[in-house]
Every structure is written in C-alpha cells, then in structure tokens.
Amino acid sequence: GGSTIVEASDDAIHADGTLTISDGEINVKSAYEGLEANVINISGGSSYVYATDDGVNATSGNSTPSINVNGGLLDVEVPTNGDTDGIDSNGSFTQSGGVVIVKGPGNAGGNSMGAAALDTDGAVSVSDGTLIIFGGSEKTPTTNSKITKTLCSSNSVASGSHTVSFSNSTSYSTTLKNSSRGCVVYSALGTATLK
C-alpha cells in the first residue's frame, strides 16, 4: 500500500530476483531504468514509470526472465528516439488481467524490430485485461477469443492527453510526453477508440 515517488539516476526500483507489486501507488518521475528484476509480477496498485532507457526490464537471472501482469495499472513511457524500450523482457510478457499502457518507439502499424514500446525475446501473450501500445511491438501478441485487437491509429499521435474508450463506457486516460507512431489496443472490453 501507500505511495512511493522515485527520481533516480540509475534504476528506480531494482530486485536481483523477483519484483512483486500488488498494491499502492508507484510514481517513477525519472530514471535510467524504471522497474528492473529477473521476474516482475504485477497484480495490483497503480504504477507510473518514465525512464530514459527501459521503462520495465526483465533481465537475466536465476529464473527465465518474465513480466507477468494479472491486475492493477501499469503506465510506462520512454523517449521515442534512441535505443529505448517501454517494456523490455529478455524472456516473456504475459498479461492475464489489469491495464497496461506503454508508450515508446516503433510503428503501431506493424512489428517494430530494435527499439519498441514492447520488446521481448520470448513470447507475448494477452488473455485478459487491456494492453494499450503507443508505438510498436517487436512481436504480435498471442491472444484468445476474449481479446479484440483495434488499430486505433497508424498515423502519428501527438503529445498531450489522450483517452482510449470502449463501448461499455470504460475509458483509460494517459499523457504522452512525446508523439508516437500510432496506437494499437488489445482488450477484453471490445473495440477501442482513441481521442
């Protein structure tokens, strides 16, 4: 629980093994890398991360690197120029709930090799929840029949405040510090629109 605000010149929050976030609010206002660990599990709370290299990074360690989200809110942004990744897993990224909003390099209209908003060496899987990507993903997420993919924009999305809305009146708002090359949404809530 509680509230944590971090401004760091290197890692904002680092674990050699497993980093678990289950509640509270984390606000990484500036860092070289935001959240870094071998395994990152997010099941609750609200985490806002701005980093100049990788926003969320699953690195090599004793276990296979992985980022697992089954609840909560994760909102991540990195600069769109340079070798930066919003979410970077040296293994897999799995989402089975919650809301992930990631903003970074790459083009939402197709797979982005190299720097990307979502960059993984292994599989990307979304089985529930909502994944909003401003920019590109190195790999196309594997989904099930519950998930709808919406390419909200393949054009440039200007910096500033934006809202992703669904037909059931659910909406998620975020602010882009930098413009992005498009927006794609994977969600159990159905088709999305971007404003």
N, C-alpha and C. Protein backbone atom coordinates (compact mmCIF):
# COMPACT_ATOMS: atom_id res chain seq x y z
N GLY A 1 0.82 -1.20 0.00
CA GLY A 1 0.00 0.00 0.00
C GLY A 1 0.85 1.25 0.00
N GLY A 2 0.24 2.38 0.25
CA GLY A 2 0.99 3.62 0.35
C GLY A 2 1.36 4.20 -1.00
N SER A 3 2.20 5.22 -0.97
CA SER A 3 2.61 5.93 -2.17
C SER A 3 4.12 6.09 -2.18
N THR A 4 4.74 5.77 -3.31
CA THR A 4 6.20 5.87 -3.46
C THR A 4 6.51 6.73 -4.68
N ILE A 5 7.33 7.76 -4.48
CA ILE A 5 7.78 8.61 -5.58
C ILE A 5 9.28 8.47 -5.70
N VAL A 6 9.76 8.21 -6.93
CA VAL A 6 11.19 7.97 -7.14
C VAL A 6 11.71 8.86 -8.26
N GLU A 7 12.85 9.50 -8.01
CA GLU A 7 13.65 10.16 -9.05
C GLU A 7 15.05 9.61 -8.90
N ALA A 8 15.55 8.92 -9.93
CA ALA A 8 16.83 8.21 -9.81
C ALA A 8 17.69 8.45 -11.04
N SER A 9 19.01 8.36 -10.84
CA SER A 9 19.94 8.50 -11.96
C SER A 9 20.22 7.14 -12.61
N ASP A 10 19.85 6.04 -11.92
CA ASP A 10 20.03 4.70 -12.48
C ASP A 10 18.68 3.98 -12.38
N ASP A 11 18.62 2.81 -11.74
CA ASP A 11 17.36 2.09 -11.60
C ASP A 11 16.49 2.75 -10.52
N ALA A 12 15.21 2.91 -10.81
CA ALA A 12 14.31 3.46 -9.79
C ALA A 12 13.99 2.40 -8.74
N ILE A 13 13.57 1.22 -9.18
CA ILE A 13 13.30 0.09 -8.29
C ILE A 13 13.94 -1.14 -8.90
N HIS A 14 14.82 -1.80 -8.13
CA HIS A 14 15.60 -2.93 -8.66
C HIS A 14 15.53 -4.12 -7.70
N ALA A 15 15.35 -5.30 -8.26
CA ALA A 15 15.46 -6.55 -7.50
C ALA A 15 16.33 -7.51 -8.28
N ASP A 16 17.24 -8.21 -7.59
CA ASP A 16 18.06 -9.20 -8.28
C ASP A 16 17.23 -10.42 -8.67
N GLY A 17 16.21 -10.73 -7.87
CA GLY A 17 15.36 -11.88 -8.14
C GLY A 17 14.01 -11.46 -8.67
N THR A 18 12.99 -11.48 -7.80
CA THR A 18 11.61 -11.19 -8.20
C THR A 18 11.14 -9.87 -7.60
N LEU A 19 10.54 -9.03 -8.43
CA LEU A 19 9.91 -7.80 -8.00
C LEU A 19 8.40 -8.00 -8.09
N THR A 20 7.69 -7.82 -6.96
CA THR A 20 6.25 -8.01 -6.91
C THR A 20 5.57 -6.72 -6.50
N ILE A 21 4.60 -6.28 -7.29
CA ILE A 21 3.80 -5.10 -6.98
C ILE A 21 2.35 -5.55 -6.89
N SER A 22 1.74 -5.37 -5.70
CA SER A 22 0.37 -5.86 -5.52
C SER A 22 -0.60 -4.79 -5.05
N ASP A 23 -0.10 -3.59 -4.69
CA ASP A 23 -1.00 -2.55 -4.20
C ASP A 23 -0.23 -1.24 -4.13
N GLY A 24 -0.91 -0.18 -3.73
CA GLY A 24 -0.28 1.12 -3.56
C GLY A 24 -0.07 1.83 -4.88
N GLU A 25 0.64 2.95 -4.81
CA GLU A 25 0.94 3.74 -6.00
C GLU A 25 2.43 3.99 -6.07
N ILE A 26 3.00 3.72 -7.24
CA ILE A 26 4.42 3.98 -7.51
C ILE A 26 4.49 5.00 -8.64
N ASN A 27 5.23 6.06 -8.43
CA ASN A 27 5.40 7.09 -9.44
C ASN A 27 6.89 7.30 -9.66
N VAL A 28 7.41 6.73 -10.74
CA VAL A 28 8.81 6.93 -11.12
C VAL A 28 8.83 8.13 -12.06
N LYS A 29 9.24 9.29 -11.53
CA LYS A 29 9.21 10.51 -12.32
C LYS A 29 10.38 10.61 -13.28
N SER A 30 11.52 10.01 -12.90
CA SER A 30 12.68 10.00 -13.79
C SER A 30 13.63 8.89 -13.33
N ALA A 31 14.22 8.21 -14.30
CA ALA A 31 15.19 7.14 -14.02
C ALA A 31 15.84 6.74 -15.33
N TYR A 32 17.00 6.06 -15.21
CA TYR A 32 17.61 5.46 -16.40
C TYR A 32 16.80 4.23 -16.78
N GLU A 33 16.56 3.33 -15.82
CA GLU A 33 15.62 2.23 -15.99
C GLU A 33 14.63 2.29 -14.83
N GLY A 34 13.36 2.08 -15.12
CA GLY A 34 12.33 2.25 -14.12
C GLY A 34 12.22 1.10 -13.14
N LEU A 35 11.62 0.00 -13.58
CA LEU A 35 11.47 -1.21 -12.77
C LEU A 35 12.34 -2.29 -13.40
N GLU A 36 13.26 -2.88 -12.61
CA GLU A 36 14.15 -3.90 -13.17
C GLU A 36 14.29 -5.06 -12.21
N ALA A 37 14.14 -6.28 -12.74
CA ALA A 37 14.32 -7.50 -11.96
C ALA A 37 14.40 -8.67 -12.93
N ASN A 38 14.74 -9.83 -12.41
CA ASN A 38 14.74 -11.05 -13.21
C ASN A 38 13.30 -11.43 -13.58
N VAL A 39 12.42 -11.39 -12.59
CA VAL A 39 10.99 -11.67 -12.80
C VAL A 39 10.20 -10.52 -12.19
N ILE A 40 9.24 -9.98 -12.94
CA ILE A 40 8.41 -8.87 -12.46
C ILE A 40 6.95 -9.32 -12.49
N ASN A 41 6.30 -9.31 -11.31
CA ASN A 41 4.90 -9.70 -11.18
C ASN A 41 4.09 -8.50 -10.70
N ILE A 42 3.06 -8.14 -11.45
CA ILE A 42 2.21 -7.01 -11.08
C ILE A 42 0.77 -7.52 -10.99
N SER A 43 0.19 -7.41 -9.78
CA SER A 43 -1.17 -7.92 -9.57
C SER A 43 -2.12 -6.85 -9.04
N GLY A 44 -1.63 -5.65 -8.79
CA GLY A 44 -2.50 -4.60 -8.26
C GLY A 44 -1.76 -3.28 -8.17
N GLY A 45 -2.43 -2.29 -7.62
CA GLY A 45 -1.84 -0.98 -7.47
C GLY A 45 -1.79 -0.21 -8.78
N SER A 46 -1.19 0.96 -8.73
CA SER A 46 -1.02 1.82 -9.90
C SER A 46 0.45 2.21 -9.99
N SER A 47 1.07 1.89 -11.11
CA SER A 47 2.50 2.19 -11.30
C SER A 47 2.66 3.06 -12.53
N TYR A 48 3.29 4.22 -12.33
CA TYR A 48 3.56 5.16 -13.42
C TYR A 48 5.07 5.29 -13.55
N VAL A 49 5.58 5.04 -14.74
CA VAL A 49 7.04 4.99 -14.93
C VAL A 49 7.45 5.84 -16.13
N TYR A 50 8.43 6.74 -15.90
CA TYR A 50 9.08 7.42 -17.00
C TYR A 50 10.58 7.19 -16.85
N ALA A 51 11.19 6.59 -17.88
CA ALA A 51 12.62 6.28 -17.85
C ALA A 51 13.25 6.67 -19.17
N THR A 52 14.57 6.90 -19.16
CA THR A 52 15.26 7.31 -20.38
C THR A 52 15.88 6.15 -21.13
N ASP A 53 15.87 4.94 -20.54
CA ASP A 53 16.35 3.76 -21.26
C ASP A 53 15.20 2.77 -21.36
N ASP A 54 15.12 1.80 -20.47
CA ASP A 54 14.00 0.87 -20.46
C ASP A 54 13.07 1.20 -19.30
N GLY A 55 11.77 1.22 -19.57
CA GLY A 55 10.82 1.52 -18.52
C GLY A 55 10.66 0.39 -17.53
N VAL A 56 10.37 -0.80 -18.04
CA VAL A 56 10.24 -2.01 -17.24
C VAL A 56 11.10 -3.08 -17.90
N ASN A 57 12.05 -3.66 -17.14
CA ASN A 57 13.05 -4.53 -17.74
C ASN A 57 13.19 -5.83 -16.96
N ALA A 58 12.87 -6.96 -17.60
CA ALA A 58 13.11 -8.28 -17.02
C ALA A 58 14.44 -8.79 -17.55
N THR A 59 15.42 -8.93 -16.66
CA THR A 59 16.79 -9.25 -17.05
C THR A 59 17.13 -10.71 -16.74
N SER A 60 18.28 -11.12 -17.20
CA SER A 60 18.76 -12.48 -16.93
C SER A 60 19.00 -12.67 -15.44
N GLY A 61 18.78 -13.89 -14.97
CA GLY A 61 18.98 -14.21 -13.56
C GLY A 61 18.82 -15.69 -13.33
N ASN A 62 18.46 -16.07 -12.11
CA ASN A 62 18.31 -17.49 -11.79
C ASN A 62 17.11 -18.13 -12.46
N SER A 63 16.10 -17.33 -12.77
CA SER A 63 14.90 -17.82 -13.45
C SER A 63 14.84 -17.28 -14.86
N THR A 64 13.99 -17.86 -15.69
CA THR A 64 13.76 -17.32 -17.02
C THR A 64 13.13 -15.94 -16.88
N PRO A 65 13.67 -14.92 -17.52
CA PRO A 65 13.11 -13.58 -17.38
C PRO A 65 11.65 -13.53 -17.82
N SER A 66 10.83 -12.82 -17.04
CA SER A 66 9.42 -12.70 -17.41
C SER A 66 8.80 -11.49 -16.74
N ILE A 67 7.81 -10.93 -17.43
CA ILE A 67 6.96 -9.87 -16.88
C ILE A 67 5.54 -10.40 -16.93
N ASN A 68 4.89 -10.45 -15.75
CA ASN A 68 3.56 -11.05 -15.64
C ASN A 68 2.61 -10.04 -15.00
N VAL A 69 1.55 -9.69 -15.72
CA VAL A 69 0.58 -8.73 -15.22
C VAL A 69 -0.78 -9.42 -15.14
N ASN A 70 -1.37 -9.46 -13.93
CA ASN A 70 -2.72 -10.02 -13.81
C ASN A 70 -3.67 -9.08 -13.07
N GLY A 71 -3.25 -7.86 -12.84
CA GLY A 71 -4.12 -6.87 -12.20
C GLY A 71 -3.41 -5.55 -12.09
N GLY A 72 -4.13 -4.54 -11.62
CA GLY A 72 -3.53 -3.23 -11.43
C GLY A 72 -3.41 -2.44 -12.71
N LEU A 73 -2.73 -1.30 -12.60
CA LEU A 73 -2.47 -0.41 -13.72
C LEU A 73 -0.97 -0.18 -13.84
N LEU A 74 -0.44 -0.33 -15.03
CA LEU A 74 0.96 -0.05 -15.33
C LEU A 74 0.99 0.91 -16.51
N ASP A 75 1.51 2.12 -16.30
CA ASP A 75 1.59 3.16 -17.32
C ASP A 75 3.06 3.53 -17.48
N VAL A 76 3.64 3.23 -18.65
CA VAL A 76 5.09 3.35 -18.87
C VAL A 76 5.37 4.20 -20.10
N GLU A 77 6.37 5.09 -19.99
CA GLU A 77 6.79 5.85 -21.17
C GLU A 77 8.30 6.01 -21.18
N VAL A 78 8.86 5.91 -22.40
CA VAL A 78 10.27 6.19 -22.65
C VAL A 78 10.36 7.09 -23.87
N PRO A 79 11.50 7.78 -24.07
CA PRO A 79 11.65 8.59 -25.29
C PRO A 79 11.50 7.73 -26.54
N THR A 80 10.99 8.33 -27.60
CA THR A 80 10.75 7.58 -28.83
C THR A 80 11.95 7.60 -29.78
N ASN A 81 13.01 8.29 -29.40
CA ASN A 81 14.23 8.28 -30.21
C ASN A 81 15.34 7.59 -29.43
N GLY A 82 16.18 6.85 -30.11
CA GLY A 82 17.27 6.15 -29.43
C GLY A 82 16.90 4.70 -29.13
N ASP A 83 17.83 4.00 -28.49
CA ASP A 83 17.66 2.58 -28.19
C ASP A 83 16.95 2.43 -26.85
N THR A 84 15.66 2.74 -26.84
CA THR A 84 14.87 2.67 -25.62
C THR A 84 13.69 1.72 -25.83
N ASP A 85 13.29 1.02 -24.79
CA ASP A 85 12.12 0.15 -24.83
C ASP A 85 11.21 0.49 -23.66
N GLY A 86 9.92 0.63 -23.92
CA GLY A 86 8.99 0.87 -22.83
C GLY A 86 8.95 -0.31 -21.88
N ILE A 87 8.62 -1.47 -22.42
CA ILE A 87 8.67 -2.74 -21.69
C ILE A 87 9.65 -3.63 -22.43
N ASP A 88 10.66 -4.12 -21.72
CA ASP A 88 11.71 -4.94 -22.32
C ASP A 88 11.89 -6.20 -21.49
N SER A 89 11.52 -7.34 -22.05
CA SER A 89 11.72 -8.61 -21.36
C SER A 89 12.72 -9.45 -22.14
N ASN A 90 13.77 -9.90 -21.45
CA ASN A 90 14.71 -10.84 -22.08
C ASN A 90 14.11 -12.24 -22.13
N GLY A 91 12.88 -12.36 -21.69
CA GLY A 91 12.11 -13.59 -21.79
C GLY A 91 10.73 -13.27 -22.33
N SER A 92 9.70 -13.49 -21.52
CA SER A 92 8.32 -13.36 -21.98
C SER A 92 7.59 -12.19 -21.33
N PHE A 93 6.45 -11.83 -21.94
CA PHE A 93 5.50 -10.88 -21.36
C PHE A 93 4.14 -11.56 -21.39
N THR A 94 3.50 -11.69 -20.23
CA THR A 94 2.20 -12.35 -20.13
C THR A 94 1.24 -11.45 -19.38
N GLN A 95 0.07 -11.21 -19.98
CA GLN A 95 -0.96 -10.40 -19.33
C GLN A 95 -2.25 -11.20 -19.25
N SER A 96 -2.74 -11.37 -18.01
CA SER A 96 -3.99 -12.10 -17.79
C SER A 96 -5.01 -11.25 -17.03
N GLY A 97 -4.79 -9.95 -17.00
CA GLY A 97 -5.69 -9.02 -16.32
C GLY A 97 -5.03 -7.66 -16.20
N GLY A 98 -5.73 -6.73 -15.60
CA GLY A 98 -5.18 -5.41 -15.39
C GLY A 98 -5.13 -4.57 -16.65
N VAL A 99 -4.51 -3.40 -16.53
CA VAL A 99 -4.38 -2.46 -17.64
C VAL A 99 -2.92 -2.08 -17.78
N VAL A 100 -2.38 -2.23 -18.99
CA VAL A 100 -1.01 -1.83 -19.29
C VAL A 100 -1.07 -0.80 -20.41
N ILE A 101 -0.50 0.37 -20.17
CA ILE A 101 -0.37 1.42 -21.18
C ILE A 101 1.12 1.66 -21.36
N VAL A 102 1.62 1.42 -22.57
CA VAL A 102 3.06 1.57 -22.79
C VAL A 102 3.29 2.46 -24.01
N LYS A 103 4.24 3.41 -23.85
CA LYS A 103 4.50 4.41 -24.88
C LYS A 103 5.99 4.43 -25.18
N GLY A 104 6.33 4.25 -26.48
CA GLY A 104 7.74 4.22 -26.84
C GLY A 104 7.94 4.21 -28.34
N PRO A 105 9.13 3.79 -28.79
CA PRO A 105 9.46 3.81 -30.22
C PRO A 105 8.67 2.77 -31.01
N GLY A 106 8.83 2.84 -32.31
CA GLY A 106 8.25 1.86 -33.20
C GLY A 106 6.95 2.31 -33.82
N ASN A 107 6.44 1.51 -34.74
CA ASN A 107 5.25 1.84 -35.50
C ASN A 107 4.14 0.86 -35.18
N ALA A 108 3.00 1.37 -34.75
CA ALA A 108 1.88 0.51 -34.36
C ALA A 108 1.30 -0.25 -35.54
N GLY A 109 1.56 0.19 -36.77
CA GLY A 109 1.01 -0.48 -37.95
C GLY A 109 1.67 -1.81 -38.27
N GLY A 110 2.79 -2.13 -37.64
CA GLY A 110 3.47 -3.39 -37.93
C GLY A 110 4.49 -3.69 -36.86
N ASN A 111 5.10 -4.88 -36.92
CA ASN A 111 6.09 -5.25 -35.92
C ASN A 111 7.31 -4.33 -36.03
N SER A 112 7.85 -3.93 -34.88
CA SER A 112 8.97 -2.98 -34.83
C SER A 112 10.21 -3.70 -34.32
N MET A 113 11.19 -3.87 -35.15
CA MET A 113 12.42 -4.52 -34.73
C MET A 113 13.34 -3.48 -34.10
N GLY A 114 14.13 -3.91 -33.12
CA GLY A 114 15.00 -2.99 -32.42
C GLY A 114 14.25 -2.32 -31.29
N ALA A 115 14.41 -1.02 -31.15
CA ALA A 115 13.72 -0.29 -30.08
C ALA A 115 12.22 -0.29 -30.33
N ALA A 116 11.45 -0.51 -29.26
CA ALA A 116 9.99 -0.59 -29.40
C ALA A 116 9.32 -0.26 -28.07
N ALA A 117 8.05 0.08 -28.14
CA ALA A 117 7.29 0.27 -26.91
C ALA A 117 7.24 -1.04 -26.12
N LEU A 118 7.03 -2.18 -26.83
CA LEU A 118 7.00 -3.50 -26.21
C LEU A 118 8.00 -4.39 -26.93
N ASP A 119 9.06 -4.78 -26.23
CA ASP A 119 10.17 -5.53 -26.82
C ASP A 119 10.43 -6.78 -25.98
N THR A 120 10.29 -7.96 -26.57
CA THR A 120 10.56 -9.20 -25.84
C THR A 120 11.42 -10.13 -26.67
N ASP A 121 12.22 -10.94 -25.98
CA ASP A 121 12.96 -12.01 -26.67
C ASP A 121 12.08 -13.24 -26.82
N GLY A 122 11.16 -13.44 -25.88
CA GLY A 122 10.28 -14.59 -25.90
C GLY A 122 8.87 -14.21 -26.31
N ALA A 123 7.90 -15.03 -25.90
CA ALA A 123 6.52 -14.88 -26.32
C ALA A 123 5.83 -13.72 -25.63
N VAL A 124 4.84 -13.15 -26.32
CA VAL A 124 3.95 -12.13 -25.77
C VAL A 124 2.54 -12.71 -25.80
N SER A 125 1.89 -12.74 -24.63
CA SER A 125 0.56 -13.34 -24.54
C SER A 125 -0.37 -12.42 -23.77
N VAL A 126 -1.57 -12.19 -24.33
CA VAL A 126 -2.60 -11.40 -23.66
C VAL A 126 -3.88 -12.23 -23.66
N SER A 127 -4.32 -12.66 -22.47
CA SER A 127 -5.52 -13.49 -22.36
C SER A 127 -6.67 -12.77 -21.67
N ASP A 128 -6.41 -11.63 -21.03
CA ASP A 128 -7.45 -10.85 -20.38
C ASP A 128 -6.90 -9.47 -20.07
N GLY A 129 -7.77 -8.54 -19.67
CA GLY A 129 -7.32 -7.19 -19.37
C GLY A 129 -7.22 -6.34 -20.62
N THR A 130 -6.45 -5.27 -20.52
CA THR A 130 -6.30 -4.31 -21.62
C THR A 130 -4.84 -3.93 -21.77
N LEU A 131 -4.33 -4.05 -22.99
CA LEU A 131 -2.96 -3.65 -23.34
C LEU A 131 -3.06 -2.57 -24.40
N ILE A 132 -2.57 -1.37 -24.07
CA ILE A 132 -2.59 -0.23 -24.98
C ILE A 132 -1.15 0.12 -25.33
N ILE A 133 -0.82 0.06 -26.62
CA ILE A 133 0.55 0.31 -27.07
C ILE A 133 0.57 1.55 -27.97
N PHE A 134 1.25 2.61 -27.50
CA PHE A 134 1.54 3.76 -28.35
C PHE A 134 2.94 3.54 -28.89
N GLY A 135 3.05 3.28 -30.18
CA GLY A 135 4.32 2.92 -30.78
C GLY A 135 4.24 1.48 -31.27
N GLY A 136 5.36 0.77 -31.24
CA GLY A 136 5.39 -0.56 -31.84
C GLY A 136 5.67 -1.67 -30.86
N SER A 137 5.35 -2.88 -31.31
CA SER A 137 5.66 -4.10 -30.58
C SER A 137 6.54 -4.97 -31.45
N GLU A 138 7.62 -5.51 -30.86
CA GLU A 138 8.53 -6.33 -31.65
C GLU A 138 7.85 -7.62 -32.11
N LYS A 139 6.94 -8.14 -31.29
CA LYS A 139 6.21 -9.36 -31.65
C LYS A 139 4.72 -9.11 -31.49
N THR A 140 3.93 -9.74 -32.36
CA THR A 140 2.48 -9.63 -32.26
C THR A 140 2.01 -10.51 -31.11
N PRO A 141 1.26 -9.94 -30.16
CA PRO A 141 0.79 -10.74 -29.02
C PRO A 141 -0.11 -11.89 -29.45
N THR A 142 0.05 -13.02 -28.78
CA THR A 142 -0.87 -14.14 -28.93
C THR A 142 -2.07 -13.87 -28.04
N THR A 143 -3.27 -14.02 -28.59
CA THR A 143 -4.48 -13.72 -27.84
C THR A 143 -5.46 -14.89 -27.94
N ASN A 144 -6.56 -14.79 -27.18
CA ASN A 144 -7.64 -15.76 -27.29
C ASN A 144 -8.89 -15.04 -27.79
N SER A 145 -10.03 -15.77 -27.84
CA SER A 145 -11.26 -15.21 -28.39
C SER A 145 -11.82 -14.07 -27.55
N LYS A 146 -11.38 -13.94 -26.31
CA LYS A 146 -11.85 -12.88 -25.42
C LYS A 146 -11.27 -11.52 -25.80
N ILE A 147 -10.13 -11.51 -26.49
CA ILE A 147 -9.39 -10.28 -26.77
C ILE A 147 -9.70 -9.75 -28.17
N THR A 148 -10.00 -8.46 -28.25
CA THR A 148 -10.20 -7.78 -29.52
C THR A 148 -9.01 -6.86 -29.79
N LYS A 149 -8.48 -6.94 -31.00
CA LYS A 149 -7.39 -6.04 -31.40
C LYS A 149 -7.97 -4.88 -32.19
N THR A 150 -7.59 -3.65 -31.81
CA THR A 150 -8.01 -2.45 -32.53
C THR A 150 -6.79 -1.62 -32.87
N LEU A 151 -6.58 -1.39 -34.17
CA LEU A 151 -5.55 -0.44 -34.58
C LEU A 151 -6.21 0.93 -34.55
N CYS A 152 -6.05 1.64 -33.44
CA CYS A 152 -6.73 2.93 -33.26
C CYS A 152 -6.16 4.00 -34.19
N SER A 153 -4.87 3.91 -34.45
CA SER A 153 -4.23 4.87 -35.35
C SER A 153 -2.90 4.31 -35.84
N SER A 154 -2.69 4.39 -37.15
CA SER A 154 -1.39 4.02 -37.71
C SER A 154 -0.59 5.28 -38.03
N ASN A 155 -1.19 6.44 -37.78
CA ASN A 155 -0.53 7.73 -38.00
C ASN A 155 0.08 8.26 -36.71
N SER A 156 0.75 9.37 -36.80
CA SER A 156 1.36 9.97 -35.62
C SER A 156 0.29 10.41 -34.62
N VAL A 157 0.52 10.09 -33.35
CA VAL A 157 -0.35 10.53 -32.27
C VAL A 157 0.41 11.62 -31.52
N ALA A 158 -0.16 12.80 -31.46
CA ALA A 158 0.54 13.96 -30.90
C ALA A 158 0.75 13.82 -29.39
N SER A 159 1.77 14.48 -28.88
CA SER A 159 1.97 14.53 -27.44
C SER A 159 0.78 15.23 -26.78
N GLY A 160 0.60 14.96 -25.49
CA GLY A 160 -0.52 15.54 -24.77
C GLY A 160 -1.43 14.47 -24.21
N SER A 161 -2.62 14.86 -23.75
CA SER A 161 -3.55 13.94 -23.10
C SER A 161 -4.39 13.19 -24.13
N HIS A 162 -4.59 11.90 -23.90
CA HIS A 162 -5.39 11.07 -24.79
C HIS A 162 -6.24 10.11 -23.96
N THR A 163 -7.38 9.72 -24.53
CA THR A 163 -8.28 8.79 -23.87
C THR A 163 -8.61 7.64 -24.83
N VAL A 164 -8.50 6.42 -24.32
CA VAL A 164 -8.93 5.22 -25.06
C VAL A 164 -10.26 4.79 -24.45
N SER A 165 -11.30 4.75 -25.29
CA SER A 165 -12.64 4.46 -24.80
C SER A 165 -13.20 3.19 -25.43
N PHE A 166 -14.10 2.53 -24.68
CA PHE A 166 -14.76 1.31 -25.13
C PHE A 166 -16.27 1.52 -25.10
N SER A 167 -17.00 0.66 -25.79
CA SER A 167 -18.45 0.84 -25.95
C SER A 167 -19.21 0.70 -24.63
N ASN A 168 -18.63 0.05 -23.63
CA ASN A 168 -19.33 -0.13 -22.35
C ASN A 168 -19.08 1.05 -21.39
N SER A 169 -18.59 2.16 -21.94
CA SER A 169 -18.32 3.40 -21.19
C SER A 169 -17.03 3.35 -20.36
N THR A 170 -16.29 2.26 -20.41
CA THR A 170 -14.99 2.22 -19.77
C THR A 170 -14.00 3.04 -20.60
N SER A 171 -13.14 3.79 -19.93
CA SER A 171 -12.12 4.55 -20.64
C SER A 171 -10.87 4.65 -19.78
N TYR A 172 -9.74 4.81 -20.45
CA TYR A 172 -8.45 4.98 -19.78
C TYR A 172 -7.76 6.19 -20.38
N SER A 173 -7.26 7.07 -19.52
CA SER A 173 -6.59 8.28 -19.98
C SER A 173 -5.11 8.21 -19.67
N THR A 174 -4.32 8.82 -20.53
CA THR A 174 -2.89 8.88 -20.32
C THR A 174 -2.34 10.11 -21.02
N THR A 175 -1.14 10.51 -20.65
CA THR A 175 -0.49 11.66 -21.26
C THR A 175 0.81 11.22 -21.92
N LEU A 176 1.00 11.63 -23.18
CA LEU A 176 2.23 11.35 -23.90
C LEU A 176 3.16 12.54 -23.80
N LYS A 177 4.37 12.31 -23.31
CA LYS A 177 5.38 13.37 -23.31
C LYS A 177 5.90 13.60 -24.72
N ASN A 178 5.95 12.51 -25.52
CA ASN A 178 6.44 12.56 -26.89
C ASN A 178 5.37 12.01 -27.82
N SER A 179 5.34 12.48 -29.06
CA SER A 179 4.41 11.91 -30.03
C SER A 179 4.81 10.47 -30.32
N SER A 180 3.84 9.65 -30.73
CA SER A 180 4.12 8.25 -31.05
C SER A 180 3.65 7.95 -32.47
N ARG A 181 4.17 6.86 -33.03
CA ARG A 181 3.76 6.46 -34.37
C ARG A 181 2.64 5.43 -34.28
N GLY A 182 1.47 5.92 -33.89
CA GLY A 182 0.29 5.08 -33.88
C GLY A 182 -0.05 4.50 -32.53
N CYS A 183 -1.22 3.83 -32.47
CA CYS A 183 -1.72 3.22 -31.24
C CYS A 183 -2.50 1.96 -31.58
N VAL A 184 -2.19 0.87 -30.89
CA VAL A 184 -2.92 -0.39 -31.06
C VAL A 184 -3.35 -0.87 -29.68
N VAL A 185 -4.56 -1.44 -29.61
CA VAL A 185 -5.14 -1.86 -28.34
C VAL A 185 -5.56 -3.33 -28.43
N TYR A 186 -5.21 -4.10 -27.40
CA TYR A 186 -5.67 -5.47 -27.23
C TYR A 186 -6.48 -5.49 -25.94
N SER A 187 -7.78 -5.85 -26.03
CA SER A 187 -8.59 -5.72 -24.84
C SER A 187 -9.75 -6.72 -24.79
N ALA A 188 -10.08 -7.14 -23.56
CA ALA A 188 -11.26 -7.97 -23.33
C ALA A 188 -12.53 -7.12 -23.32
N LEU A 189 -12.39 -5.80 -23.38
CA LEU A 189 -13.53 -4.89 -23.37
C LEU A 189 -14.11 -4.64 -24.75
N GLY A 190 -13.50 -5.18 -25.80
CA GLY A 190 -14.01 -4.99 -27.16
C GLY A 190 -13.25 -3.94 -27.92
N THR A 191 -13.91 -3.39 -28.94
CA THR A 191 -13.29 -2.41 -29.83
C THR A 191 -13.02 -1.10 -29.11
N ALA A 192 -11.88 -0.49 -29.42
CA ALA A 192 -11.47 0.75 -28.76
C ALA A 192 -11.45 1.91 -29.74
N THR A 193 -11.62 3.11 -29.21
CA THR A 193 -11.44 4.33 -29.99
C THR A 193 -10.49 5.24 -29.23
N LEU A 194 -9.71 6.03 -29.97
CA LEU A 194 -8.71 6.92 -29.40
C LEU A 194 -9.13 8.36 -29.60
N LYS A 195 -9.08 9.15 -28.53
CA LYS A 195 -9.38 10.59 -28.63
C LYS A 195 -8.24 11.37 -28.01
